[in-house]
Amino acid sequence: MDLTIMMYLIPSMIMFACGVYGFITRKNLIAILISLELMLNSVDINFVVFNRFLFPGQMEGMFFTLFAIGIAAAETALAIAIIINIFRSVNNVDIREINKMKF
């Protein structure tokens, strides 16, 4: 592969790996949400890089990335609303405490 494309893909792979590690190891819902956003941002970087190097004159990858960022923002707002409701009922955002919400 070209050296210039690897300069973008290696940090993106590191970001994705850090996101997966944080998603698996964290017990706090906010930290899990941040890890998920880190993974989504690394995928967006890949969309832009592959569009730039495979189809340099076209903008489909850029538009798809903007659409994905908008969807991720809406998803984050919804997830934060759910986390706030969980905090109101349990007074904690720890995953281990959520099973106490069963009725």
Protein backbone atom coordinates (compact mmCIF):
# COMPACT_ATOMS: atom_id res chain seq x y z
CA MET A 1 0.00 0.00 0.00
CA ASP A 2 0.96 3.58 -0.45
CA LEU A 3 2.76 5.17 2.48
CA THR A 4 0.47 8.20 2.53
CA ILE A 5 -2.68 6.10 2.94
CA MET A 6 -1.06 4.15 5.77
CA MET A 7 -0.35 7.44 7.58
CA TYR A 8 -4.12 7.85 7.87
CA LEU A 9 -5.17 4.25 8.38
CA ILE A 10 -2.79 3.40 11.23
CA PRO A 11 -4.11 6.14 13.58
CA SER A 12 -7.63 5.15 12.57
CA MET A 13 -6.93 1.52 13.49
CA ILE A 14 -5.46 2.63 16.81
CA MET A 15 -8.55 4.75 17.51
CA PHE A 16 -10.83 1.84 16.69
CA ALA A 17 -8.82 -0.53 18.89
CA CYS A 18 -8.95 1.94 21.80
CA GLY A 19 -12.70 2.26 21.32
CA VAL A 20 -13.22 -1.51 21.35
CA TYR A 21 -11.04 -1.84 24.45
CA GLY A 22 -12.95 0.93 26.23
CA PHE A 23 -16.30 -0.53 25.20
CA ILE A 24 -15.41 -3.95 26.57
CA THR A 25 -13.66 -2.94 29.78
CA ARG A 26 -15.66 0.05 31.06
CA LYS A 27 -18.62 -0.31 33.39
CA ASN A 28 -19.78 3.31 33.26
CA LEU A 29 -22.41 4.07 30.61
CA ILE A 30 -20.87 7.44 29.72
CA ALA A 31 -17.44 5.86 29.16
CA ILE A 32 -19.03 3.18 26.98
CA LEU A 33 -20.77 5.88 24.94
CA ILE A 34 -17.48 7.75 24.48
CA SER A 35 -15.79 4.53 23.35
CA LEU A 36 -18.57 3.92 20.85
CA GLU A 37 -18.17 7.44 19.46
CA LEU A 38 -14.42 6.86 19.15
CA MET A 39 -15.09 3.78 17.04
CA LEU A 40 -17.58 5.68 14.85
CA ASN A 41 -15.08 8.51 14.31
CA SER A 42 -12.38 6.08 13.22
CA VAL A 43 -14.80 4.59 10.68
CA ASP A 44 -15.56 8.10 9.40
CA ILE A 45 -11.84 8.71 8.92
CA ASN A 46 -11.66 5.51 6.88
CA PHE A 47 -14.56 6.65 4.67
CA VAL A 48 -12.80 9.92 3.90
CA VAL A 49 -9.39 8.33 3.32
CA PHE A 50 -10.67 5.63 0.97
CA ASN A 51 -12.76 8.15 -0.94
CA ARG A 52 -9.77 10.47 -1.28
CA PHE A 53 -7.38 7.79 -2.52
CA LEU A 54 -9.69 5.55 -4.57
CA PHE A 55 -11.96 8.20 -6.13
CA PRO A 56 -10.11 11.54 -5.83
CA GLY A 57 -12.52 13.59 -7.92
CA GLN A 58 -15.73 12.45 -6.28
CA MET A 59 -17.36 13.42 -3.00
CA GLU A 60 -19.51 10.39 -2.09
CA GLY A 61 -17.30 9.36 0.82
CA MET A 62 -17.31 12.87 2.21
CA PHE A 63 -21.10 13.13 2.03
CA PHE A 64 -21.52 9.69 3.57
CA THR A 65 -19.21 10.75 6.39
CA LEU A 66 -21.23 13.91 7.02
CA PHE A 67 -24.41 11.83 7.08
CA ALA A 68 -22.79 9.35 9.51
CA ILE A 69 -21.68 12.21 11.79
CA GLY A 70 -25.23 13.57 11.85
CA ILE A 71 -26.67 10.15 12.69
CA ALA A 72 -24.02 9.68 15.40
CA ALA A 73 -24.95 13.03 16.94
CA ALA A 74 -28.63 12.05 17.06
CA GLU A 75 -27.74 8.67 18.51
CA THR A 76 -25.57 10.29 21.17
CA ALA A 77 -28.35 12.69 22.18
CA LEU A 78 -30.78 9.79 22.51
CA ALA A 79 -28.26 7.71 24.48
CA ILE A 80 -27.57 10.57 26.87
CA ALA A 81 -31.32 10.99 27.43
CA ILE A 82 -31.59 7.29 28.26
CA ILE A 83 -28.58 7.50 30.58
CA ILE A 84 -30.13 10.49 32.39
CA ASN A 85 -33.36 8.53 32.93
CA ILE A 86 -31.38 5.56 34.24
CA PHE A 87 -29.51 7.88 36.60
CA ARG A 88 -32.76 9.32 37.89
CA SER A 89 -34.14 5.91 38.78
CA VAL A 90 -30.99 4.16 40.03
CA ASN A 91 -28.79 7.14 41.07
CA ASN A 92 -25.86 5.47 39.35
CA VAL A 93 -24.70 4.92 35.77
CA ASP A 94 -22.83 1.70 36.49
CA ILE A 95 -23.86 -1.25 34.31
CA ARG A 96 -23.91 -3.61 37.27
CA GLU A 97 -26.58 -1.48 38.97
CA ILE A 98 -28.96 -1.38 36.01
CA ASN A 99 -30.37 -4.86 36.62
CA LYS A 100 -31.90 -3.43 39.82
CA MET A 101 -34.39 -1.62 37.57
CA LYS A 102 -36.28 -4.84 36.90
CA PHE A 103 -39.78 -4.72 38.30
